[in-house]
Amino acid sequence: MVRLQPDPFLNELTSMFERTTEHGSIWVTLKHSSDKSKAQRNKMKTAGENLEFKCLIRATDGKKNISTMVGAKDHQRFQASYAILLKARLTALKKRERKDKRKATDSDKKMDISKKKSAAAKAST
C-alpha cells in the first residue's frame, strides 16, 4: 500500500474514479489511528505525553491500494476537497424515486375512508 500526502492522494483517487467510470468499484475506508504501535502508545501514556490521533484513509479499486494520514488541523480542508471530488464523480448513482407528499397523503386519506366505510357496513349487518 502506498502512503501519500493528502493532495496527491486526492489526485490519485480522481484517476481511480476515471479508470472505473464504465465499470468497477472503489472502496474508501476511514479509520481513527495514531500511527504508532501499541507498545509506543503505552510508553507515551506512561510518560504523560499526549497522543495525536489522525484519520487514516485508504482507497482501493481491487488492483491498486493508496492511503493517507490526515491530522486534525488539515481535516476540514481535506474533507471539503474530498466532498467536491465525490459530488463530481458519483454521477452513475440512480436517483431515488420519492412519492409526492400530496399524493401520498391523499391516497392515505382515501384508504382510511374506505376502511371506515367497510367497518360501518359490517357493523350495520
Protein backbone atom coordinates (compact mmCIF):
# COMPACT_ATOMS: atom_id res chain seq x y z
CA MET A 1 0.00 0.00 0.00
CA VAL A 2 1.34 3.38 -0.98
CA ARG A 3 1.08 6.15 1.64
CA LEU A 4 0.68 9.54 0.01
CA GLN A 5 0.28 13.11 1.22
CA PRO A 6 -3.35 14.32 1.20
CA ASP A 7 -3.21 16.31 -2.06
CA PRO A 8 -1.52 13.57 -4.15
CA PHE A 9 -3.95 11.10 -2.57
CA LEU A 10 -6.90 13.11 -3.90
CA ASN A 11 -5.27 13.31 -7.33
CA GLU A 12 -4.73 9.55 -7.40
CA LEU A 13 -8.28 8.95 -6.15
CA THR A 14 -9.55 11.10 -9.03
CA SER A 15 -7.64 8.98 -11.52
CA MET A 16 -9.05 5.82 -9.88
CA PHE A 17 -12.56 7.18 -10.37
CA GLU A 18 -11.76 7.93 -14.02
CA ARG A 19 -10.47 4.39 -14.59
CA THR A 20 -13.62 2.84 -13.11
CA THR A 21 -16.14 5.10 -14.83
CA GLU A 22 -17.55 2.44 -17.16
CA HIS A 23 -17.50 -0.43 -14.69
CA GLY A 24 -15.86 -1.26 -11.41
CA SER A 25 -15.94 -0.11 -7.82
CA ILE A 26 -13.81 1.87 -5.43
CA TRP A 27 -13.75 1.22 -1.71
CA VAL A 28 -12.77 4.05 0.61
CA THR A 29 -12.32 3.44 4.34
CA LEU A 30 -11.64 5.91 7.11
CA LYS A 31 -10.11 4.86 10.41
CA HIS A 32 -9.16 6.62 13.63
CA SER A 33 -5.43 5.98 14.09
CA SER A 34 -2.43 7.27 16.00
CA ASP A 35 0.13 5.84 13.54
CA LYS A 36 2.03 4.33 16.49
CA SER A 37 2.34 0.74 17.62
CA LYS A 38 0.58 -0.36 20.79
CA ALA A 39 3.90 -0.55 22.68
CA GLN A 40 4.81 3.01 21.65
CA ARG A 41 1.37 4.28 22.69
CA ASN A 42 1.69 2.64 26.11
CA LYS A 43 5.14 4.21 26.62
CA MET A 44 3.78 7.63 25.68
CA LYS A 45 0.84 7.22 28.09
CA THR A 46 3.11 6.27 31.00
CA ALA A 47 5.43 9.18 30.19
CA GLY A 48 2.44 11.53 30.20
CA GLU A 49 2.81 12.61 26.58
CA ASN A 50 -0.26 13.46 24.54
CA LEU A 51 -1.10 11.25 21.59
CA GLU A 52 -2.12 12.96 18.40
CA PHE A 53 -4.73 10.87 16.66
CA LYS A 54 -5.14 11.14 12.91
CA CYS A 55 -7.53 9.83 10.31
CA LEU A 56 -6.17 7.00 8.17
CA ILE A 57 -7.89 7.00 4.78
CA ARG A 58 -7.48 4.05 2.44
CA ALA A 59 -8.78 3.60 -1.08
CA THR A 60 -8.65 0.63 -3.42
CA ASP A 61 -10.14 -0.38 -6.71
CA GLY A 62 -9.13 -4.02 -6.29
CA LYS A 63 -5.88 -3.56 -8.16
CA LYS A 64 -4.22 -0.54 -6.62
CA ASN A 65 -4.20 0.50 -2.96
CA ILE A 66 -3.46 4.01 -1.73
CA SER A 67 -3.64 5.61 1.69
CA THR A 68 -3.01 8.85 3.52
CA MET A 69 -2.99 10.22 7.07
CA VAL A 70 -4.86 13.44 7.79
CA GLY A 71 -4.27 15.36 11.02
CA ALA A 72 -6.83 17.40 12.92
CA LYS A 73 -5.62 20.73 11.55
CA ASP A 74 -5.83 19.58 7.90
CA HIS A 75 -9.06 17.64 8.28
CA GLN A 76 -11.51 20.43 7.32
CA ARG A 77 -9.64 21.32 4.14
CA PHE A 78 -9.24 17.66 3.15
CA GLN A 79 -12.91 16.88 3.85
CA ALA A 80 -14.05 19.80 1.69
CA SER A 81 -11.85 18.68 -1.21
CA TYR A 82 -12.96 15.06 -0.77
CA ALA A 83 -16.65 16.09 -0.80
CA ILE A 84 -16.19 18.06 -4.02
CA LEU A 85 -14.46 15.05 -5.59
CA LEU A 86 -17.29 12.70 -4.58
CA LYS A 87 -20.00 15.04 -5.85
CA ALA A 88 -18.25 15.34 -9.19
CA ARG A 89 -17.51 11.62 -9.67
CA LEU A 90 -20.57 9.85 -8.28
CA THR A 91 -22.73 10.62 -11.29
CA ALA A 92 -23.63 6.99 -12.05
CA LEU A 93 -25.81 6.67 -8.95
CA LYS A 94 -29.50 6.38 -9.60
CA LYS A 95 -31.83 8.95 -8.10
CA ARG A 96 -34.22 7.63 -5.50
CA GLU A 97 -37.86 7.72 -6.52
CA ARG A 98 -39.85 9.68 -3.99
CA LYS A 99 -43.59 9.80 -3.67
CA ASP A 100 -45.15 13.21 -3.90
CA LYS A 101 -46.24 14.13 -0.37
CA ARG A 102 -49.64 15.37 -1.53
CA LYS A 103 -50.34 12.20 -3.50
CA ALA A 104 -49.22 10.03 -0.59
CA THR A 105 -51.41 11.84 1.94
CA ASP A 106 -54.41 11.84 -0.44
CA SER A 107 -54.09 8.10 -1.01
CA ASP A 108 -53.71 7.52 2.76
CA LYS A 109 -56.90 9.53 3.38
CA LYS A 110 -58.77 7.53 0.74
CA MET A 111 -57.62 4.29 2.36
CA ASP A 112 -58.80 5.49 5.78
CA ILE A 113 -62.23 6.50 4.40
CA SER A 114 -62.70 3.16 2.63
CA LYS A 115 -61.73 1.28 5.82
CA LYS A 116 -64.25 3.30 7.85
CA LYS A 117 -66.98 2.62 5.27
CA SER A 118 -66.30 -1.11 5.26
CA ALA A 119 -66.22 -1.20 9.08
CA ALA A 120 -69.55 0.70 9.22
CA ALA A 121 -71.10 -1.69 6.67
CA LYS A 122 -70.01 -4.71 8.73
CA ALA A 123 -71.37 -3.16 11.94
CA SER A 124 -74.77 -2.41 10.37
CA THR A 125 -75.25 -6.00 9.17
